[in-house]
Amino acid sequence: MNTINPGIPPVDLADFFDRFPNKKSIKKLLDEFVLTYPELIEELIDSVESGSQAEIKNSAHKMKGVLVNLSITRGYSLALDLEKKSAEIGKAEALARVQELSEELDKISAFLVEQEEMFR
């Protein structure tokens, strides 16, 4: 399993607040992302299952773009790694990386609850 920046929180709130200083809107964006990211994960899985390196790269690129805009730093790094290595890794390894990304994104809900004070 990949271990890119394992100790980094799933969302860099300081970066997000610096770029977009409306805390309530950020919370809303992150809450909506928590509800919709499974669709992006499913798209990544489908691209890996298709065996198309171009589809894997495109799906990882799309995910990477969403994550960087939401300051989801470790998730961004994982998606970037998958994008860069899409041509050189096998299906099993690609699926393992998607699983790791999914597990990282699963942490966001709990993180938002832990950081509730930041959004007031």
C-alpha atoms as a PDB file:
ATOM      1  CA  MET A   1       0.000   0.000   0.000  1.00  0.00           C
ATOM      2  CA  ASN A   2       1.195   3.518  -0.767  1.00  0.00           C
ATOM      3  CA  THR A   3       2.115   5.755   2.167  1.00  0.00           C
ATOM      4  CA  ILE A   4       2.246   9.261   0.719  1.00  0.00           C
ATOM      5  CA  ASN A   5       2.171  11.784   3.608  1.00  0.00           C
ATOM      6  CA  PRO A   6       0.316   9.496   6.062  1.00  0.00           C
ATOM      7  CA  GLY A   7       0.166  12.006   8.950  1.00  0.00           C
ATOM      8  CA  ILE A   8      -1.426  14.889   7.062  1.00  0.00           C
ATOM      9  CA  PRO A   9      -5.085  15.703   7.893  1.00  0.00           C
ATOM     10  CA  PRO A  10      -7.470  14.931   5.014  1.00  0.00           C
ATOM     11  CA  VAL A  11      -8.310  18.627   4.474  1.00  0.00           C
ATOM     12  CA  ASP A  12      -5.901  21.548   4.784  1.00  0.00           C
ATOM     13  CA  LEU A  13      -8.390  24.002   6.253  1.00  0.00           C
ATOM     14  CA  ALA A  14      -5.819  26.780   6.641  1.00  0.00           C
ATOM     15  CA  ASP A  15      -5.079  26.626   2.908  1.00  0.00           C
ATOM     16  CA  PHE A  16      -8.765  26.462   2.030  1.00  0.00           C
ATOM     17  CA  PHE A  17      -9.659  29.400   4.317  1.00  0.00           C
ATOM     18  CA  ASP A  18      -6.772  31.403   2.879  1.00  0.00           C
ATOM     19  CA  ARG A  19      -7.986  30.906  -0.687  1.00  0.00           C
ATOM     20  CA  PHE A  20     -11.708  31.112   0.089  1.00  0.00           C
ATOM     21  CA  PRO A  21     -12.409  32.902   3.385  1.00  0.00           C
ATOM     22  CA  ASN A  22     -16.110  32.018   3.690  1.00  0.00           C
ATOM     23  CA  LYS A  23     -16.110  29.261   6.300  1.00  0.00           C
ATOM     24  CA  LYS A  24     -19.803  28.366   5.957  1.00  0.00           C
ATOM     25  CA  SER A  25     -19.435  27.956   2.203  1.00  0.00           C
ATOM     26  CA  ILE A  26     -16.348  25.802   2.658  1.00  0.00           C
ATOM     27  CA  LYS A  27     -18.236  23.583   5.082  1.00  0.00           C
ATOM     28  CA  LYS A  28     -21.077  23.271   2.584  1.00  0.00           C
ATOM     29  CA  LEU A  29     -18.667  22.396  -0.244  1.00  0.00           C
ATOM     30  CA  LEU A  30     -16.951  19.746   1.869  1.00  0.00           C
ATOM     31  CA  ASP A  31     -20.270  18.324   3.069  1.00  0.00           C
ATOM     32  CA  GLU A  32     -21.441  18.039  -0.547  1.00  0.00           C
ATOM     33  CA  PHE A  33     -18.147  16.436  -1.535  1.00  0.00           C
ATOM     34  CA  VAL A  34     -18.578  13.802   1.184  1.00  0.00           C
ATOM     35  CA  LEU A  35     -21.920  12.901  -0.398  1.00  0.00           C
ATOM     36  CA  THR A  36     -20.649  12.794  -3.981  1.00  0.00           C
ATOM     37  CA  TYR A  37     -17.080  11.483  -3.921  1.00  0.00           C
ATOM     38  CA  PRO A  38     -18.210   7.838  -4.042  1.00  0.00           C
ATOM     39  CA  GLU A  39     -19.313   8.534  -7.632  1.00  0.00           C
ATOM     40  CA  LEU A  40     -15.798   9.751  -8.470  1.00  0.00           C
ATOM     41  CA  ILE A  41     -14.307   6.658  -6.834  1.00  0.00           C
ATOM     42  CA  GLU A  42     -16.671   4.492  -8.853  1.00  0.00           C
ATOM     43  CA  GLU A  43     -15.548   6.266 -12.021  1.00  0.00           C
ATOM     44  CA  LEU A  44     -11.929   5.507 -11.109  1.00  0.00           C
ATOM     45  CA  ILE A  45     -12.755   1.850 -10.467  1.00  0.00           C
ATOM     46  CA  ASP A  46     -14.589   1.603 -13.787  1.00  0.00           C
ATOM     47  CA  SER A  47     -11.621   3.122 -15.610  1.00  0.00           C
ATOM     48  CA  VAL A  48      -9.240   0.628 -13.987  1.00  0.00           C
ATOM     49  CA  GLU A  49     -11.594  -2.239 -14.783  1.00  0.00           C
ATOM     50  CA  SER A  50     -11.718  -1.114 -18.432  1.00  0.00           C
ATOM     51  CA  GLY A  51      -7.960  -1.549 -18.657  1.00  0.00           C
ATOM     52  CA  SER A  52      -7.578   1.709 -20.559  1.00  0.00           C
ATOM     53  CA  GLN A  53      -4.547   3.659 -19.384  1.00  0.00           C
ATOM     54  CA  ALA A  54      -6.019   6.813 -20.923  1.00  0.00           C
ATOM     55  CA  GLU A  55      -9.274   6.374 -18.957  1.00  0.00           C
ATOM     56  CA  ILE A  56      -7.374   5.746 -15.724  1.00  0.00           C
ATOM     57  CA  LYS A  57      -5.250   8.823 -16.303  1.00  0.00           C
ATOM     58  CA  ASN A  58      -8.284  10.971 -17.166  1.00  0.00           C
ATOM     59  CA  SER A  59     -10.317   9.793 -14.166  1.00  0.00           C
ATOM     60  CA  ALA A  60      -7.384  10.310 -11.797  1.00  0.00           C
ATOM     61  CA  HIS A  61      -6.789  13.753 -13.314  1.00  0.00           C
ATOM     62  CA  LYS A  62     -10.431  14.702 -12.772  1.00  0.00           C
ATOM     63  CA  MET A  63     -10.309  13.484  -9.163  1.00  0.00           C
ATOM     64  CA  LYS A  64      -7.022  15.322  -8.602  1.00  0.00           C
ATOM     65  CA  GLY A  65      -8.562  18.588  -9.826  1.00  0.00           C
ATOM     66  CA  VAL A  66     -11.519  18.303  -7.471  1.00  0.00           C
ATOM     67  CA  LEU A  67      -9.287  17.455  -4.526  1.00  0.00           C
ATOM     68  CA  VAL A  68      -6.814  20.274  -5.041  1.00  0.00           C
ATOM     69  CA  ASN A  69      -9.665  22.791  -5.230  1.00  0.00           C
ATOM     70  CA  LEU A  70     -11.015  21.501  -1.910  1.00  0.00           C
ATOM     71  CA  SER A  71      -7.556  21.463  -0.255  1.00  0.00           C
ATOM     72  CA  ILE A  72      -7.759  17.705   0.256  1.00  0.00           C
ATOM     73  CA  THR A  73      -3.997  17.394   0.253  1.00  0.00           C
ATOM     74  CA  ARG A  74      -3.243  13.727   0.850  1.00  0.00           C
ATOM     75  CA  GLY A  75      -6.084  12.659  -1.426  1.00  0.00           C
ATOM     76  CA  TYR A  76      -4.669  14.971  -4.085  1.00  0.00           C
ATOM     77  CA  SER A  77      -1.243  13.347  -3.707  1.00  0.00           C
ATOM     78  CA  LEU A  78      -2.758   9.876  -4.052  1.00  0.00           C
ATOM     79  CA  ALA A  79      -4.731  10.849  -7.165  1.00  0.00           C
ATOM     80  CA  LEU A  80      -1.652  12.517  -8.658  1.00  0.00           C
ATOM     81  CA  ASP A  81       0.388   9.373  -8.023  1.00  0.00           C
ATOM     82  CA  LEU A  82      -2.251   7.233  -9.743  1.00  0.00           C
ATOM     83  CA  GLU A  83      -2.400   9.646 -12.671  1.00  0.00           C
ATOM     84  CA  LYS A  84       1.380   9.661 -13.122  1.00  0.00           C
ATOM     85  CA  LYS A  85       1.732   5.889 -12.818  1.00  0.00           C
ATOM     86  CA  SER A  86      -1.372   4.899 -14.788  1.00  0.00           C
ATOM     87  CA  ALA A  87       0.715   3.607 -17.693  1.00  0.00           C
ATOM     88  CA  GLU A  88       3.099   1.523 -15.616  1.00  0.00           C
ATOM     89  CA  ILE A  89       1.025  -0.232 -12.963  1.00  0.00           C
ATOM     90  CA  GLY A  90      -1.178  -3.252 -13.267  1.00  0.00           C
ATOM     91  CA  LYS A  91      -4.857  -3.556 -12.541  1.00  0.00           C
ATOM     92  CA  ALA A  92      -4.420  -4.967  -9.026  1.00  0.00           C
ATOM     93  CA  GLU A  93      -2.027  -2.204  -7.992  1.00  0.00           C
ATOM     94  CA  ALA A  94      -4.246   0.489  -9.529  1.00  0.00           C
ATOM     95  CA  LEU A  95      -7.277  -0.868  -7.661  1.00  0.00           C
ATOM     96  CA  ALA A  96      -5.257  -0.912  -4.426  1.00  0.00           C
ATOM     97  CA  ARG A  97      -4.378   2.750  -4.972  1.00  0.00           C
ATOM     98  CA  VAL A  98      -8.026   3.624  -5.623  1.00  0.00           C
ATOM     99  CA  GLN A  99      -8.934   1.789  -2.411  1.00  0.00           C
ATOM    100  CA  GLU A 100      -6.313   3.788  -0.491  1.00  0.00           C
ATOM    101  CA  LEU A 101      -7.695   7.004  -1.961  1.00  0.00           C
ATOM    102  CA  SER A 102     -11.222   5.973  -0.993  1.00  0.00           C
ATOM    103  CA  GLU A 103     -10.108   5.226   2.564  1.00  0.00           C
ATOM    104  CA  GLU A 104      -8.445   8.643   2.773  1.00  0.00           C
ATOM    105  CA  LEU A 105     -11.606  10.370   1.560  1.00  0.00           C
ATOM    106  CA  ASP A 106     -13.658   8.371   4.062  1.00  0.00           C
ATOM    107  CA  LYS A 107     -11.794  10.266   6.814  1.00  0.00           C
ATOM    108  CA  ILE A 108     -13.247  13.620   5.786  1.00  0.00           C
ATOM    109  CA  SER A 109     -16.620  13.231   7.544  1.00  0.00           C
ATOM    110  CA  ALA A 110     -15.020  12.550  10.920  1.00  0.00           C
ATOM    111  CA  PHE A 111     -12.491  15.311  10.322  1.00  0.00           C
ATOM    112  CA  LEU A 112     -15.281  17.821   9.683  1.00  0.00           C
ATOM    113  CA  VAL A 113     -16.961  16.847  12.944  1.00  0.00           C
ATOM    114  CA  GLU A 114     -13.639  17.150  14.819  1.00  0.00           C
ATOM    115  CA  GLN A 115     -13.022  20.577  13.280  1.00  0.00           C
ATOM    116  CA  GLU A 116     -16.568  21.886  13.763  1.00  0.00           C
ATOM    117  CA  GLU A 117     -15.300  24.919  15.725  1.00  0.00           C
ATOM    118  CA  MET A 118     -13.300  26.062  12.680  1.00  0.00           C
ATOM    119  CA  PHE A 119     -16.510  26.693  10.758  1.00  0.00           C
ATOM    120  CA  ARG A 120     -18.110  29.056  13.265  1.00  0.00           C
END
